[in-house]
């Protein structure tokens, strides 16, 4: 039970980081959150943010957005 609660809490925190990253990327690039979400899904950025959560959540949100931008640059987007 305790591990299930801990996992659920971590998932919520990961989801929150993804939401904040989507919002900040949208603001920075002047596109809608819906467009950003589609871009993040298409290029695996959401999964990458979740996989790197332990590091990214200790950084400023701008670092998380730059992480997403770097992924897109490497994919020539």
N, C-alpha and C. Protein backbone atom coordinates (compact mmCIF):
# COMPACT_ATOMS: atom_id res chain seq x y z
N UNK A 1 0.83 -1.20 0.00
CA UNK A 1 0.00 0.00 0.00
C UNK A 1 0.87 1.26 0.00
N UNK A 2 1.87 1.30 0.88
CA UNK A 2 2.71 2.48 0.99
C UNK A 2 3.44 2.76 -0.32
N UNK A 3 3.96 1.72 -0.98
CA UNK A 3 4.65 1.91 -2.25
C UNK A 3 3.69 2.41 -3.32
N UNK A 4 2.46 1.94 -3.30
CA UNK A 4 1.44 2.38 -4.25
C UNK A 4 1.16 3.87 -4.07
N UNK A 5 1.07 4.32 -2.84
CA UNK A 5 0.84 5.74 -2.54
C UNK A 5 2.03 6.57 -2.99
N UNK A 6 3.25 6.07 -2.73
CA UNK A 6 4.47 6.78 -3.13
C UNK A 6 4.55 6.89 -4.65
N UNK A 7 4.24 5.79 -5.35
CA UNK A 7 4.26 5.79 -6.81
C UNK A 7 3.24 6.78 -7.35
N UNK A 8 2.05 6.77 -6.76
CA UNK A 8 0.99 7.68 -7.19
C UNK A 8 1.41 9.14 -6.99
N UNK A 9 2.05 9.41 -5.87
CA UNK A 9 2.51 10.77 -5.58
C UNK A 9 3.57 11.20 -6.59
N UNK A 10 4.50 10.31 -6.90
CA UNK A 10 5.54 10.62 -7.88
C UNK A 10 4.94 10.85 -9.26
N UNK A 11 3.97 10.05 -9.64
CA UNK A 11 3.30 10.23 -10.93
C UNK A 11 2.62 11.59 -11.00
N UNK A 12 1.98 11.99 -9.92
CA UNK A 12 1.34 13.31 -9.88
C UNK A 12 2.38 14.42 -10.04
N UNK A 13 3.50 14.27 -9.36
CA UNK A 13 4.56 15.27 -9.45
C UNK A 13 5.15 15.32 -10.86
N UNK A 14 5.34 14.16 -11.48
CA UNK A 14 5.83 14.12 -12.85
C UNK A 14 4.83 14.79 -13.79
N UNK A 15 3.55 14.50 -13.61
CA UNK A 15 2.51 15.11 -14.44
C UNK A 15 2.50 16.62 -14.27
N UNK A 16 2.66 17.08 -13.06
CA UNK A 16 2.69 18.52 -12.80
C UNK A 16 3.87 19.17 -13.51
N UNK A 17 5.03 18.53 -13.48
CA UNK A 17 6.19 19.07 -14.18
C UNK A 17 5.94 19.14 -15.68
N UNK A 18 5.30 18.11 -16.23
CA UNK A 18 4.97 18.11 -17.66
C UNK A 18 4.02 19.26 -17.98
N UNK A 19 3.00 19.46 -17.16
CA UNK A 19 2.03 20.53 -17.41
C UNK A 19 2.71 21.89 -17.37
N UNK A 20 3.54 22.11 -16.38
CA UNK A 20 4.23 23.39 -16.26
C UNK A 20 5.18 23.59 -17.44
N UNK A 21 5.86 22.53 -17.87
CA UNK A 21 6.76 22.64 -19.02
C UNK A 21 5.98 22.97 -20.29
N UNK A 22 4.82 22.34 -20.47
CA UNK A 22 3.98 22.63 -21.64
C UNK A 22 3.55 24.10 -21.62
N UNK A 23 3.09 24.56 -20.48
CA UNK A 23 2.63 25.95 -20.37
C UNK A 23 3.76 26.94 -20.63
N UNK A 24 4.92 26.67 -20.05
CA UNK A 24 6.05 27.60 -20.22
C UNK A 24 6.57 27.57 -21.65
N UNK A 25 6.65 26.40 -22.26
CA UNK A 25 7.08 26.30 -23.65
C UNK A 25 6.10 27.06 -24.54
N UNK A 26 4.82 26.89 -24.29
CA UNK A 26 3.78 27.59 -25.06
C UNK A 26 3.96 29.10 -24.97
N UNK A 27 4.17 29.58 -23.75
CA UNK A 27 4.34 31.01 -23.54
C UNK A 27 5.59 31.51 -24.25
N UNK A 28 6.68 30.79 -24.10
CA UNK A 28 7.96 31.20 -24.68
C UNK A 28 7.93 31.24 -26.21
N UNK A 29 7.17 30.31 -26.81
CA UNK A 29 7.16 30.20 -28.27
C UNK A 29 5.90 30.77 -28.93
N UNK A 30 5.01 31.33 -28.12
CA UNK A 30 3.82 31.98 -28.66
C UNK A 30 2.87 31.04 -29.38
N UNK A 31 2.77 29.81 -28.88
CA UNK A 31 1.84 28.84 -29.46
C UNK A 31 0.90 28.35 -28.35
N UNK A 32 -0.16 27.71 -28.74
CA UNK A 32 -1.13 27.25 -27.74
C UNK A 32 -0.59 26.04 -26.98
N UNK A 33 -1.14 25.84 -25.80
CA UNK A 33 -0.77 24.66 -25.00
C UNK A 33 -1.16 23.39 -25.75
N UNK A 34 -2.26 23.44 -26.48
CA UNK A 34 -2.71 22.28 -27.27
C UNK A 34 -1.66 21.93 -28.34
N UNK A 35 -1.14 22.95 -29.03
CA UNK A 35 -0.09 22.72 -30.03
C UNK A 35 1.17 22.16 -29.39
N UNK A 36 1.54 22.72 -28.25
CA UNK A 36 2.73 22.27 -27.54
C UNK A 36 2.57 20.82 -27.09
N UNK A 37 1.42 20.50 -26.55
CA UNK A 37 1.17 19.13 -26.11
C UNK A 37 1.31 18.16 -27.28
N UNK A 38 0.77 18.51 -28.43
CA UNK A 38 0.90 17.67 -29.62
C UNK A 38 2.35 17.49 -30.02
N UNK A 39 3.12 18.56 -29.97
CA UNK A 39 4.55 18.52 -30.30
C UNK A 39 5.30 17.63 -29.30
N UNK A 40 5.01 17.81 -28.02
CA UNK A 40 5.67 17.02 -26.98
C UNK A 40 5.31 15.54 -27.12
N UNK A 41 4.08 15.24 -27.44
CA UNK A 41 3.68 13.84 -27.62
C UNK A 41 4.34 13.24 -28.86
N UNK A 42 4.32 13.98 -29.95
CA UNK A 42 4.85 13.48 -31.22
C UNK A 42 6.33 13.13 -31.13
N UNK A 43 7.08 13.93 -30.39
CA UNK A 43 8.53 13.75 -30.34
C UNK A 43 9.03 13.13 -29.02
N UNK A 44 8.13 12.58 -28.23
CA UNK A 44 8.54 11.84 -27.03
C UNK A 44 9.06 12.68 -25.89
N UNK A 45 8.76 13.96 -25.91
CA UNK A 45 9.29 14.85 -24.87
C UNK A 45 8.64 14.58 -23.52
N UNK A 46 7.38 14.25 -23.50
CA UNK A 46 6.71 13.96 -22.23
C UNK A 46 7.37 12.77 -21.56
N UNK A 47 7.61 11.71 -22.31
CA UNK A 47 8.28 10.54 -21.75
C UNK A 47 9.68 10.89 -21.28
N UNK A 48 10.37 11.73 -22.04
CA UNK A 48 11.74 12.13 -21.66
C UNK A 48 11.73 12.95 -20.37
N UNK A 49 10.77 13.84 -20.22
CA UNK A 49 10.66 14.62 -18.99
C UNK A 49 10.40 13.69 -17.81
N UNK A 50 9.50 12.74 -17.99
CA UNK A 50 9.21 11.78 -16.91
C UNK A 50 10.44 10.94 -16.57
N UNK A 51 11.18 10.51 -17.58
CA UNK A 51 12.37 9.69 -17.34
C UNK A 51 13.46 10.48 -16.61
N UNK A 52 13.52 11.77 -16.86
CA UNK A 52 14.55 12.62 -16.24
C UNK A 52 14.00 13.43 -15.07
N UNK A 53 12.87 13.03 -14.56
CA UNK A 53 12.19 13.78 -13.50
C UNK A 53 13.11 14.05 -12.31
N UNK A 54 13.84 13.04 -11.87
CA UNK A 54 14.67 13.19 -10.66
C UNK A 54 15.64 14.36 -10.78
N UNK A 55 16.16 14.59 -11.97
CA UNK A 55 17.06 15.73 -12.18
C UNK A 55 16.28 17.00 -12.47
N UNK A 56 15.32 16.92 -13.38
CA UNK A 56 14.61 18.12 -13.83
C UNK A 56 13.81 18.81 -12.73
N UNK A 57 13.26 18.04 -11.80
CA UNK A 57 12.44 18.70 -10.78
C UNK A 57 13.26 19.52 -9.80
N UNK A 58 14.58 19.33 -9.82
CA UNK A 58 15.43 20.13 -8.95
C UNK A 58 15.91 21.42 -9.64
N UNK A 59 15.60 21.54 -10.92
CA UNK A 59 16.04 22.67 -11.73
C UNK A 59 14.92 23.72 -11.83
N UNK A 60 15.29 24.86 -12.31
CA UNK A 60 14.32 25.89 -12.65
C UNK A 60 13.50 25.41 -13.84
N UNK A 61 12.26 25.83 -13.96
CA UNK A 61 11.41 25.37 -15.06
C UNK A 61 12.01 25.73 -16.41
N UNK A 62 12.78 26.79 -16.47
CA UNK A 62 13.42 27.17 -17.74
C UNK A 62 14.39 26.09 -18.22
N UNK A 63 15.02 25.39 -17.29
CA UNK A 63 15.90 24.27 -17.65
C UNK A 63 15.10 23.15 -18.28
N UNK A 64 13.92 22.90 -17.78
CA UNK A 64 13.06 21.87 -18.34
C UNK A 64 12.63 22.23 -19.75
N UNK A 65 12.31 23.49 -19.97
CA UNK A 65 11.93 23.95 -21.31
C UNK A 65 13.13 23.85 -22.25
N UNK A 66 14.31 24.22 -21.77
CA UNK A 66 15.50 24.09 -22.61
C UNK A 66 15.80 22.63 -22.93
N UNK A 67 15.51 21.74 -22.00
CA UNK A 67 15.64 20.31 -22.23
C UNK A 67 14.75 19.90 -23.41
N UNK A 68 13.50 20.36 -23.40
CA UNK A 68 12.57 20.07 -24.50
C UNK A 68 13.06 20.67 -25.80
N UNK A 69 13.54 21.90 -25.74
CA UNK A 69 14.05 22.57 -26.94
C UNK A 69 15.25 21.81 -27.52
N UNK A 70 16.12 21.31 -26.67
CA UNK A 70 17.28 20.55 -27.12
C UNK A 70 16.85 19.26 -27.83
N UNK A 71 15.85 18.59 -27.29
CA UNK A 71 15.34 17.38 -27.93
C UNK A 71 14.82 17.71 -29.32
N UNK A 72 14.05 18.79 -29.41
CA UNK A 72 13.48 19.17 -30.71
C UNK A 72 14.59 19.57 -31.70
N UNK A 73 15.62 20.26 -31.22
CA UNK A 73 16.73 20.63 -32.10
C UNK A 73 17.42 19.39 -32.65
N UNK A 74 17.65 18.41 -31.77
CA UNK A 74 18.31 17.17 -32.22
C UNK A 74 17.46 16.42 -33.24
N UNK A 75 16.16 16.63 -33.20
CA UNK A 75 15.25 15.98 -34.15
C UNK A 75 14.94 16.89 -35.33
N UNK A 76 15.68 18.00 -35.43
CA UNK A 76 15.52 18.96 -36.53
C UNK A 76 14.11 19.51 -36.67
N UNK A 77 13.51 19.83 -35.53
CA UNK A 77 12.15 20.40 -35.55
C UNK A 77 12.25 21.90 -35.37
